[in-house]
C-alpha atoms as a PDB file:
ATOM      1  CA  MET A   1      68.695 117.242  95.408  1.00  0.00           C
ATOM      2  CA  LYS A   2      67.667 120.937  95.300  1.00  0.00           C
ATOM      3  CA  ARG A   3      68.375 121.243  99.026  1.00  0.00           C
ATOM      4  CA  LEU A   4      71.755 119.595  98.548  1.00  0.00           C
ATOM      5  CA  PHE A   5      72.955 121.886  95.783  1.00  0.00           C
ATOM      6  CA  ALA A   6      71.590 124.952  97.579  1.00  0.00           C
ATOM      7  CA  LEU A   7      73.918 124.042 100.460  1.00  0.00           C
ATOM      8  CA  LEU A   8      76.849 123.750  98.092  1.00  0.00           C
ATOM      9  CA  LEU A   9      76.026 127.052  96.438  1.00  0.00           C
ATOM     10  CA  PHE A  10      76.200 128.777  99.838  1.00  0.00           C
ATOM     11  CA  PHE A  11      79.884 127.908 100.099  1.00  0.00           C
ATOM     12  CA  VAL A  12      80.685 128.850  96.520  1.00  0.00           C
ATOM     13  CA  LEU A  13      79.212 132.337  96.900  1.00  0.00           C
ATOM     14  CA  PHE A  14      81.949 133.181  99.386  1.00  0.00           C
ATOM     15  CA  SER A  15      84.879 131.422  97.768  1.00  0.00           C
ATOM     16  CA  ASN A  16      85.875 129.665  94.590  1.00  0.00           C
ATOM     17  CA  GLY A  17      86.821 126.820  96.921  1.00  0.00           C
ATOM     18  CA  LEU A  18      87.064 125.948 100.579  1.00  0.00           C
ATOM     19  CA  LEU A  19      90.721 126.534 101.320  1.00  0.00           C
ATOM     20  CA  TRP A  20      92.184 124.944 104.434  1.00  0.00           C
ATOM     21  CA  GLY A  21      95.956 125.032 104.200  1.00  0.00           C
ATOM     22  CA  GLN A  22      96.873 123.205 101.042  1.00  0.00           C
ATOM     23  CA  LEU A  23      93.697 121.143 100.638  1.00  0.00           C
ATOM     24  CA  THR A  24      90.813 122.765  98.784  1.00  0.00           C
ATOM     25  CA  MET A  25      87.264 121.685  97.957  1.00  0.00           C
ATOM     26  CA  LYS A  26      85.716 123.180  94.843  1.00  0.00           C
ATOM     27  CA  LYS A  27      82.126 122.811  93.730  1.00  0.00           C
ATOM     28  CA  GLN A  28      81.543 122.073  90.063  1.00  0.00           C
ATOM     29  CA  SER A  29      78.281 121.601  88.196  1.00  0.00           C
ATOM     30  CA  ASP A  30      78.161 117.842  88.779  1.00  0.00           C
ATOM     31  CA  GLY A  31      80.212 117.270  91.905  1.00  0.00           C
ATOM     32  CA  ILE A  32      83.124 118.190  94.151  1.00  0.00           C
ATOM     33  CA  LYS A  33      86.788 118.410  93.222  1.00  0.00           C
ATOM     34  CA  ILE A  34      89.447 118.147  95.911  1.00  0.00           C
ATOM     35  CA  VAL A  35      92.744 119.872  95.192  1.00  0.00           C
ATOM     36  CA  ASP A  36      96.003 119.866  97.142  1.00  0.00           C
ATOM     37  CA  GLY A  37      97.677 123.173  96.369  1.00  0.00           C
ATOM     38  CA  SER A  38      97.844 123.265  92.573  1.00  0.00           C
ATOM     39  CA  SER A  39      97.458 119.484  92.198  1.00  0.00           C
ATOM     40  CA  ASN A  40      94.178 117.684  91.543  1.00  0.00           C
ATOM     41  CA  VAL A  41      93.406 114.892  94.022  1.00  0.00           C
ATOM     42  CA  LEU A  42      89.969 113.456  93.241  1.00  0.00           C
ATOM     43  CA  PHE A  43      86.494 114.248  91.949  1.00  0.00           C
ATOM     44  CA  TYR A  44      83.374 113.037  93.775  1.00  0.00           C
ATOM     45  CA  GLN A  45      80.488 112.517  91.341  1.00  0.00           C
ATOM     46  CA  MET A  46      77.283 113.857  92.884  1.00  0.00           C
ATOM     47  CA  LYS A  47      75.008 114.492  89.923  1.00  0.00           C
ATOM     48  CA  PRO A  48      73.700 111.298  88.273  1.00  0.00           C
ATOM     49  CA  LEU A  49      75.690 110.567  85.121  1.00  0.00           C
ATOM     50  CA  ASN A  50      74.736 108.164  82.327  1.00  0.00           C
ATOM     51  CA  LYS A  51      75.802 107.019  78.881  1.00  0.00           C
ATOM     52  CA  ASP A  52      73.088 107.247  76.237  1.00  0.00           C
ATOM     53  CA  GLY A  53      70.471 107.037  78.971  1.00  0.00           C
ATOM     54  CA  ALA A  54      71.877 103.858  80.552  1.00  0.00           C
ATOM     55  CA  TYR A  55      74.203 102.934  83.438  1.00  0.00           C
ATOM     56  CA  GLU A  56      73.226 105.999  85.447  1.00  0.00           C
ATOM     57  CA  ARG A  57      75.438 106.410  88.500  1.00  0.00           C
ATOM     58  CA  CYS A  58      76.599 108.824  91.199  1.00  0.00           C
ATOM     59  CA  ASN A  59      78.382 108.544  94.568  1.00  0.00           C
ATOM     60  CA  TYR A  60      81.823 107.471  93.331  1.00  0.00           C
ATOM     61  CA  ILE A  61      85.292 108.878  92.652  1.00  0.00           C
ATOM     62  CA  HIS A  62      86.482 109.709  89.148  1.00  0.00           C
ATOM     63  CA  PRO A  63      88.939 110.978  88.241  1.00  0.00           C
ATOM     64  CA  LEU A  64      91.457 109.924  90.844  1.00  0.00           C
ATOM     65  CA  TRP A  65      94.730 111.663  90.022  1.00  0.00           C
ATOM     66  CA  GLY A  66      98.277 110.515  90.658  1.00  0.00           C
ATOM     67  CA  LEU A  67     100.815 112.718  92.417  1.00  0.00           C
ATOM     68  CA  ASN A  68     102.240 113.880  89.088  1.00  0.00           C
ATOM     69  CA  GLY A  69      98.818 114.825  87.735  1.00  0.00           C
ATOM     70  CA  LYS A  70      98.040 111.781  85.587  1.00  0.00           C
ATOM     71  CA  VAL A  71      94.504 110.363  85.775  1.00  0.00           C
ATOM     72  CA  LEU A  72      94.593 106.864  87.277  1.00  0.00           C
ATOM     73  CA  THR A  73      90.951 105.754  86.956  1.00  0.00           C
ATOM     74  CA  GLU A  74      88.428 105.030  84.207  1.00  0.00           C
ATOM     75  CA  ASP A  75      84.688 105.681  83.910  1.00  0.00           C
ATOM     76  CA  PHE A  76      82.352 103.976  81.403  1.00  0.00           C
ATOM     77  CA  PRO A  77      85.153 101.740  80.011  1.00  0.00           C
ATOM     78  CA  ALA A  78      84.004 100.037  76.815  1.00  0.00           C
ATOM     79  CA  ASP A  79      84.591  96.526  78.190  1.00  0.00           C
ATOM     80  CA  HIS A  80      82.483  97.104  81.350  1.00  0.00           C
ATOM     81  CA  LEU A  81      80.316 100.200  81.038  1.00  0.00           C
ATOM     82  CA  HIS A  82      79.076  99.813  84.617  1.00  0.00           C
ATOM     83  CA  HIS A  83      82.579 100.204  86.088  1.00  0.00           C
ATOM     84  CA  ARG A  84      83.130 103.619  87.607  1.00  0.00           C
ATOM     85  CA  GLY A  85      86.412 104.866  89.070  1.00  0.00           C
ATOM     86  CA  VAL A  86      86.602 104.146  92.789  1.00  0.00           C
ATOM     87  CA  PHE A  87      83.243 102.610  93.702  1.00  0.00           C
ATOM     88  CA  TRP A  88      81.542 100.164  96.057  1.00  0.00           C
ATOM     89  CA  ALA A  89      78.656  98.036  94.887  1.00  0.00           C
ATOM     90  CA  TRP A  90      77.187  94.540  95.087  1.00  0.00           C
ATOM     91  CA  HIS A  91      75.395  92.265  92.637  1.00  0.00           C
ATOM     92  CA  GLN A  92      72.712  90.984  94.989  1.00  0.00           C
ATOM     93  CA  VAL A  93      70.095  92.905  96.935  1.00  0.00           C
ATOM     94  CA  TRP A  94      67.264  90.894  98.495  1.00  0.00           C
ATOM     95  CA  ILE A  95      64.319  91.829 100.684  1.00  0.00           C
ATOM     96  CA  GLY A  96      62.985  88.549 101.963  1.00  0.00           C
ATOM     97  CA  ASP A  97      62.815  86.250  98.937  1.00  0.00           C
ATOM     98  CA  LYS A  98      62.434  89.134  96.464  1.00  0.00           C
ATOM     99  CA  ARG A  99      65.458  90.267  94.466  1.00  0.00           C
ATOM    100  CA  ILE A 100      65.136  93.996  93.919  1.00  0.00           C
ATOM    101  CA  GLY A 101      68.197  95.092  91.973  1.00  0.00           C
ATOM    102  CA  ASP A 102      71.830  94.779  90.925  1.00  0.00           C
ATOM    103  CA  PRO A 103      73.811  97.853  92.056  1.00  0.00           C
ATOM    104  CA  TRP A 104      77.005  96.455  90.510  1.00  0.00           C
ATOM    105  CA  GLU A 105      75.547  96.268  87.013  1.00  0.00           C
ATOM    106  CA  ILE A 106      73.360  99.329  87.778  1.00  0.00           C
ATOM    107  CA  GLU A 107      70.167  97.439  86.953  1.00  0.00           C
ATOM    108  CA  ASP A 108      66.951  98.329  88.812  1.00  0.00           C
ATOM    109  CA  PHE A 109      69.067 100.559  91.009  1.00  0.00           C
ATOM    110  CA  GLU A 110      69.045 104.274  91.825  1.00  0.00           C
ATOM    111  CA  GLN A 111      70.923 106.426  94.314  1.00  0.00           C
ATOM    112  CA  GLU A 112      70.121 109.900  95.602  1.00  0.00           C
ATOM    113  CA  ILE A 113      72.611 112.000  97.543  1.00  0.00           C
ATOM    114  CA  THR A 114      70.490 113.758 100.159  1.00  0.00           C
ATOM    115  CA  GLU A 115      73.122 115.433 102.343  1.00  0.00           C
ATOM    116  CA  ILE A 116      76.743 116.491 102.123  1.00  0.00           C
ATOM    117  CA  GLU A 117      79.141 117.923 104.692  1.00  0.00           C
ATOM    118  CA  PHE A 118      82.703 119.297 104.702  1.00  0.00           C
ATOM    119  CA  ILE A 119      84.892 119.073 107.790  1.00  0.00           C
ATOM    120  CA  LYS A 120      88.399 120.422 108.432  1.00  0.00           C
ATOM    121  CA  ASP A 121      90.469 118.565 111.004  1.00  0.00           C
ATOM    122  CA  PRO A 122      93.141 120.307 113.134  1.00  0.00           C
ATOM    123  CA  ASP A 123      95.780 118.162 111.404  1.00  0.00           C
ATOM    124  CA  LYS A 124      94.878 119.896 108.096  1.00  0.00           C
ATOM    125  CA  THR A 125      93.169 116.863 106.624  1.00  0.00           C
ATOM    126  CA  ILE A 126      89.628 117.176 105.294  1.00  0.00           C
ATOM    127  CA  TRP A 127      86.510 115.021 105.271  1.00  0.00           C
ATOM    128  CA  LEU A 128      83.830 114.815 102.614  1.00  0.00           C
ATOM    129  CA  LYS A 129      80.720 113.156 104.062  1.00  0.00           C
ATOM    130  CA  SER A 130      77.505 112.277 102.272  1.00  0.00           C
ATOM    131  CA  GLU A 131      74.206 110.526 102.915  1.00  0.00           C
ATOM    132  CA  VAL A 132      72.859 108.420 100.061  1.00  0.00           C
ATOM    133  CA  LEU A 133      69.525 106.620  99.674  1.00  0.00           C
ATOM    134  CA  TRP A 134      69.209 103.432  97.598  1.00  0.00           C
ATOM    135  CA  SER A 135      65.982 102.660  95.751  1.00  0.00           C
ATOM    136  CA  SER A 136      64.594 100.429  92.994  1.00  0.00           C
ATOM    137  CA  ASP A 137      61.590 100.329  90.721  1.00  0.00           C
ATOM    138  CA  LYS A 138      61.090  96.811  92.086  1.00  0.00           C
ATOM    139  CA  TRP A 139      60.469  98.090  95.610  1.00  0.00           C
ATOM    140  CA  LYS A 140      57.486 100.413  95.936  1.00  0.00           C
ATOM    141  CA  LYS A 141      54.971 101.444  98.561  1.00  0.00           C
ATOM    142  CA  ASN A 142      51.677 102.993  97.489  1.00  0.00           C
ATOM    143  CA  GLY A 143      52.920 103.024  93.894  1.00  0.00           C
ATOM    144  CA  GLU A 144      56.093 105.002  94.634  1.00  0.00           C
ATOM    145  CA  GLN A 145      59.695 103.875  95.041  1.00  0.00           C
ATOM    146  CA  LYS A 146      60.641 103.548  98.686  1.00  0.00           C
ATOM    147  CA  PRO A 147      64.307 103.780  99.767  1.00  0.00           C
ATOM    148  CA  TYR A 148      65.550 100.512 101.242  1.00  0.00           C
ATOM    149  CA  ILE A 149      69.137 101.378 102.336  1.00  0.00           C
ATOM    150  CA  ARG A 150      70.587 104.517 103.884  1.00  0.00           C
ATOM    151  CA  GLU A 151      74.284 104.808 103.111  1.00  0.00           C
ATOM    152  CA  ASN A 152      76.641 107.214 104.854  1.00  0.00           C
ATOM    153  CA  VAL A 153      80.025 107.755 103.235  1.00  0.00           C
ATOM    154  CA  SER A 154      83.063 109.463 104.755  1.00  0.00           C
ATOM    155  CA  ILE A 155      86.046 110.244 102.534  1.00  0.00           C
ATOM    156  CA  HIS A 156      89.068 111.405 104.517  1.00  0.00           C
ATOM    157  CA  VAL A 157      91.782 113.067 102.435  1.00  0.00           C
ATOM    158  CA  HIS A 158      95.213 113.525 103.985  1.00  0.00           C
ATOM    159  CA  GLU A 159      97.789 116.084 102.966  1.00  0.00           C
ATOM    160  CA  SER A 160     100.223 114.734 100.430  1.00  0.00           C
ATOM    161  CA  SER A 161     103.862 114.063 101.099  1.00  0.00           C
ATOM    162  CA  LEU A 162     106.399 114.303  98.307  1.00  0.00           C
ATOM    163  CA  LYS A 163     105.916 110.637  97.441  1.00  0.00           C
ATOM    164  CA  ASN A 164     102.426 109.535  98.546  1.00  0.00           C
ATOM    165  CA  ARG A 165      98.879 110.552  99.402  1.00  0.00           C
ATOM    166  CA  ARG A 166      96.427 108.664 101.632  1.00  0.00           C
ATOM    167  CA  ILE A 167      92.643 108.616 101.209  1.00  0.00           C
ATOM    168  CA  ASP A 168      90.441 106.767 103.712  1.00  0.00           C
ATOM    169  CA  PHE A 169      86.908 105.552 103.005  1.00  0.00           C
ATOM    170  CA  GLU A 170      84.217 104.585 105.521  1.00  0.00           C
ATOM    171  CA  ILE A 171      80.994 103.151 104.100  1.00  0.00           C
ATOM    172  CA  SER A 172      78.063 102.667 106.475  1.00  0.00           C
ATOM    173  CA  LEU A 173      74.973 100.737 105.316  1.00  0.00           C
ATOM    174  CA  LEU A 174      71.716 100.714 107.292  1.00  0.00           C
ATOM    175  CA  ALA A 175      68.719  98.683 106.124  1.00  0.00           C
ATOM    176  CA  LEU A 176      65.420 100.559 105.970  1.00  0.00           C
ATOM    177  CA  GLU A 177      63.525  97.283 105.539  1.00  0.00           C
ATOM    178  CA  GLU A 178      63.621  94.070 107.526  1.00  0.00           C
ATOM    179  CA  ASN A 179      65.214  90.922 106.070  1.00  0.00           C
ATOM    180  CA  LEU A 180      67.425  92.845 103.638  1.00  0.00           C
ATOM    181  CA  ARG A 181      70.577  91.130 102.348  1.00  0.00           C
ATOM    182  CA  ILE A 182      73.425  92.111 100.034  1.00  0.00           C
ATOM    183  CA  GLY A 183      75.956  89.860  98.325  1.00  0.00           C
ATOM    184  CA  GLY A 184      78.488  89.524  95.549  1.00  0.00           C
ATOM    185  CA  SER A 185      78.294  87.678  92.252  1.00  0.00           C
ATOM    186  CA  GLU A 186      76.591  84.275  92.412  1.00  0.00           C
ATOM    187  CA  ASP A 187      79.540  82.297  91.077  1.00  0.00           C
ATOM    188  CA  GLU A 188      82.907  81.031  92.246  1.00  0.00           C
ATOM    189  CA  LYS A 189      84.380  84.541  91.990  1.00  0.00           C
ATOM    190  CA  GLY A 190      81.963  86.185  94.430  1.00  0.00           C
ATOM    191  CA  TYR A 191      83.094  89.648  93.395  1.00  0.00           C
ATOM    192  CA  GLY A 192      81.497  92.793  94.752  1.00  0.00           C
ATOM    193  CA  GLY A 193      82.320  95.465  97.316  1.00  0.00           C
ATOM    194  CA  PHE A 194      85.044  98.129  97.326  1.00  0.00           C
ATOM    195  CA  SER A 195      86.605  98.422  93.871  1.00  0.00           C
ATOM    196  CA  VAL A 196      89.014 100.502  91.827  1.00  0.00           C
ATOM    197  CA  ARG A 197      88.693 100.614  88.052  1.00  0.00           C
ATOM    198  CA  MET A 198      92.165 101.881  87.261  1.00  0.00           C
ATOM    199  CA  ILE A 199      94.172 102.261  84.094  1.00  0.00           C
ATOM    200  CA  LEU A 200      96.395  99.194  83.833  1.00  0.00           C
ATOM    201  CA  PRO A 201      99.828  99.394  82.173  1.00  0.00           C
ATOM    202  CA  ASP A 202     101.341  96.424  80.376  1.00  0.00           C
ATOM    203  CA  ASP A 203     103.862  95.986  83.191  1.00  0.00           C
ATOM    204  CA  VAL A 204     101.326  95.964  86.032  1.00  0.00           C
ATOM    205  CA  GLN A 205     102.420  94.089  89.161  1.00  0.00           C
ATOM    206  CA  PHE A 206     100.497  92.999  92.257  1.00  0.00           C
ATOM    207  CA  THR A 207     102.353  92.623  95.546  1.00  0.00           C
ATOM    208  CA  GLY A 208     101.470  92.040  99.176  1.00  0.00           C
ATOM    209  CA  GLU A 209     103.333  91.805 102.440  1.00  0.00           C
ATOM    210  CA  SER A 210     104.992  88.519 101.433  1.00  0.00           C
ATOM    211  CA  GLY A 211     105.821  89.438  97.848  1.00  0.00           C
ATOM    212  CA  ASN A 212     104.197  89.015  94.434  1.00  0.00           C
ATOM    213  CA  ILE A 213     100.514  88.097  94.162  1.00  0.00           C
ATOM    214  CA  GLU A 214      99.348  86.134  91.127  1.00  0.00           C
ATOM    215  CA  ALA A 215      96.084  87.329  89.600  1.00  0.00           C
ATOM    216  CA  LYS A 216      93.676  84.432  89.051  1.00  0.00           C
ATOM    217  CA  ASN A 217      90.178  84.058  87.645  1.00  0.00           C
ATOM    218  CA  THR A 218      88.808  83.488  91.151  1.00  0.00           C
ATOM    219  CA  ALA A 219      89.500  85.322  94.394  1.00  0.00           C
ATOM    220  CA  VAL A 220      92.952  85.146  95.965  1.00  0.00           C
ATOM    221  CA  GLU A 221      93.793  85.396  99.638  1.00  0.00           C
ATOM    222  CA  SER A 222      94.943  88.746 100.994  1.00  0.00           C
ATOM    223  CA  GLU A 223      97.399  89.750 103.696  1.00  0.00           C
ATOM    224  CA  GLY A 224      95.530  93.009 104.283  1.00  0.00           C
ATOM    225  CA  PHE A 225      96.565  95.041 101.262  1.00  0.00           C
ATOM    226  CA  VAL A 226      97.497  94.824  97.612  1.00  0.00           C
ATOM    227  CA  ASN A 227     100.023  97.128  95.968  1.00  0.00           C
ATOM    228  CA  ILE A 228      99.312  97.711  92.269  1.00  0.00           C
ATOM    229  CA  SER A 229     102.264  99.232  90.458  1.00  0.00           C
ATOM    230  CA  GLY A 230     103.702  99.828  87.006  1.00  0.00           C
ATOM    231  CA  SER A 231     104.227 102.555  84.421  1.00  0.00           C
ATOM    232  CA  LEU A 232     101.334 104.642  85.741  1.00  0.00           C
ATOM    233  CA  GLY A 233     103.010 108.034  85.973  1.00  0.00           C
ATOM    234  CA  LYS A 234     103.553 110.727  83.381  1.00  0.00           C
ATOM    235  CA  GLY A 235     105.967 109.666  80.690  1.00  0.00           C
ATOM    236  CA  ASN A 236     105.444 106.049  81.787  1.00  0.00           C
ATOM    237  CA  SER A 237     107.269 106.682  85.033  1.00  0.00           C
ATOM    238  CA  LYS A 238     106.732 104.246  87.906  1.00  0.00           C
ATOM    239  CA  ALA A 239     103.769 104.840  90.218  1.00  0.00           C
ATOM    240  CA  GLY A 240     100.965 102.906  91.863  1.00  0.00           C
ATOM    241  CA  ILE A 241      98.019 102.535  94.185  1.00  0.00           C
ATOM    242  CA  ALA A 242      97.940 100.435  97.344  1.00  0.00           C
ATOM    243  CA  ILE A 243      94.426  99.271  98.304  1.00  0.00           C
ATOM    244  CA  ILE A 244      94.140  98.613 102.029  1.00  0.00           C
ATOM    245  CA  ASP A 245      91.610  96.493 103.892  1.00  0.00           C
ATOM    246  CA  ASN A 246      90.951  97.771 107.432  1.00  0.00           C
ATOM    247  CA  LYS A 247      91.521  95.361 110.323  1.00  0.00           C
ATOM    248  CA  ASP A 248      88.091  96.272 111.760  1.00  0.00           C
ATOM    249  CA  ASN A 249      86.286  94.967 108.666  1.00  0.00           C
ATOM    250  CA  PRO A 250      84.187  91.804 108.862  1.00  0.00           C
ATOM    251  CA  GLY A 251      86.011  88.790 107.461  1.00  0.00           C
ATOM    252  CA  TYR A 252      89.400  90.535 107.610  1.00  0.00           C
ATOM    253  CA  PRO A 253      91.474  90.047 105.588  1.00  0.00           C
ATOM    254  CA  GLN A 254      88.909  90.028 102.811  1.00  0.00           C
ATOM    255  CA  ASN A 255      89.741  88.215  99.566  1.00  0.00           C
ATOM    256  CA  LEU A 256      90.928  89.945  96.413  1.00  0.00           C
ATOM    257  CA  ILE A 257      89.756  89.825  92.810  1.00  0.00           C
ATOM    258  CA  LEU A 258      92.693  91.024  90.685  1.00  0.00           C
ATOM    259  CA  ARG A 259      92.837  91.643  86.960  1.00  0.00           C
ATOM    260  CA  GLU A 260      95.817  92.441  84.730  1.00  0.00           C
ATOM    261  CA  LYS A 261      93.737  94.145  82.043  1.00  0.00           C
ATOM    262  CA  ASN A 262      90.252  95.308  81.072  1.00  0.00           C
ATOM    263  CA  SER A 263      88.682  95.144  84.532  1.00  0.00           C
ATOM    264  CA  MET A 264      88.580  96.414  88.107  1.00  0.00           C
ATOM    265  CA  GLN A 265      90.497  95.491  91.258  1.00  0.00           C
ATOM    266  CA  ASN A 266      88.139  94.380  94.026  1.00  0.00           C
ATOM    267  CA  ILE A 267      88.197  93.611  97.726  1.00  0.00           C
ATOM    268  CA  ALA A 268      85.530  90.936  97.464  1.00  0.00           C
ATOM    269  CA  TRP A 269      83.231  90.801 100.467  1.00  0.00           C
ATOM    270  CA  PRO A 270      80.976  89.108 101.500  1.00  0.00           C
ATOM    271  CA  GLY A 271      81.291  86.889  98.433  1.00  0.00           C
ATOM    272  CA  SER A 272      78.536  84.907  96.761  1.00  0.00           C
ATOM    273  CA  GLU A 273      76.601  84.264  99.998  1.00  0.00           C
ATOM    274  CA  PRO A 274      74.558  87.361 100.968  1.00  0.00           C
ATOM    275  CA  VAL A 275      74.724  88.893 104.444  1.00  0.00           C
ATOM    276  CA  GLU A 276      71.816  90.510 106.261  1.00  0.00           C
ATOM    277  CA  LEU A 277      71.867  94.220 107.084  1.00  0.00           C
ATOM    278  CA  SER A 278      70.467  95.480 110.362  1.00  0.00           C
ATOM    279  CA  THR A 279      67.788  98.159 110.651  1.00  0.00           C
ATOM    280  CA  THR A 280      69.362  99.430 113.899  1.00  0.00           C
ATOM    281  CA  GLU A 281      73.142  98.914 113.686  1.00  0.00           C
ATOM    282  CA  PRO A 282      74.760  99.834 110.356  1.00  0.00           C
ATOM    283  CA  LEU A 283      77.307  97.653 108.639  1.00  0.00           C
ATOM    284  CA  VAL A 284      80.567  99.648 108.554  1.00  0.00           C
ATOM    285  CA  LEU A 285      83.274  98.942 105.977  1.00  0.00           C
ATOM    286  CA  LYS A 286      86.618 100.770 105.928  1.00  0.00           C
ATOM    287  CA  TYR A 287      89.236 100.903 103.194  1.00  0.00           C
ATOM    288  CA  SER A 288      92.156 103.146 102.240  1.00  0.00           C
ATOM    289  CA  LEU A 289      94.070 104.059  99.116  1.00  0.00           C
ATOM    290  CA  ILE A 290      97.687 105.126  99.087  1.00  0.00           C
ATOM    291  CA  VAL A 291      98.473 106.835  95.795  1.00  0.00           C
ATOM    292  CA  TYR A 292     102.195 107.165  95.210  1.00  0.00           C
ATOM    293  CA  SER A 293     104.923 107.976  92.718  1.00  0.00           C
ATOM    294  CA  GLY A 294     108.092 105.966  92.214  1.00  0.00           C
ATOM    295  CA  LYS A 295     108.185 102.750  94.245  1.00  0.00           C
ATOM    296  CA  LEU A 296     106.535 101.897  97.556  1.00  0.00           C
ATOM    297  CA  LYS A 297     107.858  98.889  99.454  1.00  0.00           C
ATOM    298  CA  SER A 298     105.596  96.597 101.460  1.00  0.00           C
ATOM    299  CA  LYS A 299     107.314  97.513 104.738  1.00  0.00           C
ATOM    300  CA  ARG A 300     106.581 101.174 104.089  1.00  0.00           C
ATOM    301  CA  ILE A 301     102.942 100.394 103.322  1.00  0.00           C
ATOM    302  CA  SER A 302     102.643  98.505 106.618  1.00  0.00           C
ATOM    303  CA  LYS A 303     104.013 101.548 108.474  1.00  0.00           C
ATOM    304  CA  LEU A 304     101.596 103.868 106.692  1.00  0.00           C
ATOM    305  CA  ILE A 305      98.696 101.578 107.628  1.00  0.00           C
ATOM    306  CA  ASP A 306      99.565 101.920 111.314  1.00  0.00           C
ATOM    307  CA  GLN A 307      99.848 105.718 111.263  1.00  0.00           C
END
C-alpha cells in the first residue's frame, strides 16, 4: 500500500488533479475522486474503510453522483451494512472442498489494492485501472495469508452529455490457486456479482427493452439491461441509472435481482452454483452504468449500448 500511495502522491505534487479536458482525477486521503468540470462524478474507495471495526471494505464506488449533483448511492446502510455503493462480490469462495470466505458479507475476506493507473484516451475519456489481491485468514501458507485471486479492474469514464453520463466497468478475475470456485447465494435467489446499492425513491420503476419489469423475491429474466428511474434528482426531479449487461459476458443476458426498497440491485451471475476460475485465463465480466437526468427511453438506451 505504501508503494501505491507514493505513486499517487507523485501526481498530486504537480497538480491538485489530473486535468484532461473536462474530466479530472483528484487524489484524496482515502481514494480517488473523478470530476467532470465542476461536477462530481464518482469516488473510488482505495483505503480500507470499516464501521466500528467491522465490514472493512475497499475497491468500490461511493459516492456515485447524478448529473445534477445529488448522491445516488449508499454505503453502510443500516439494513445491510455490507452493501457498498457500486460493488461486485460473491457469497461463495471455495478452494477444493474448503470454503475460505464470503466476500459479499465481508466475512473472512480482505482486499489489497497493489497497483493503480490513470490513462487518458484521445476521445477525452479516462480510465482508472487497479490491481487487487484477495485473501482470507482461512487460507494460509507457512502461517501467513496467501492471496488466492488477482483482480484487475478497469473503470472507463466518458464525458458527460447534457442528459447522461456513461461509466464502463471491466472486472478480470484470475485464480492464484487450482480448483478455485466462486458463486452466489446458496438459495433460490442466487444473488451475487455486479451490484448497485442506490437510494430508492417511493416511485421507483424498473423497465427493460419490452417495458416494465416486476421486482420479485427471486431472480427475474433480463433483456440485457434494467433502467431504474424515479424521483432521484435534486428537488425530487426525475432521474435514473441504467445498469447494462455486456453481450460478451458469460450467460448473457444474466438474471436480475431487483428490490424496491432497502436493498441493492444485482446482475446475478453465476447464481447459486459456483464456477471455477482458471489460473491461466482470467474470467472477464463487463458492465456499464448510464446515469441520467429526466427520462431515458429504452430505445435510447439500446442506441447508447451500441455506441
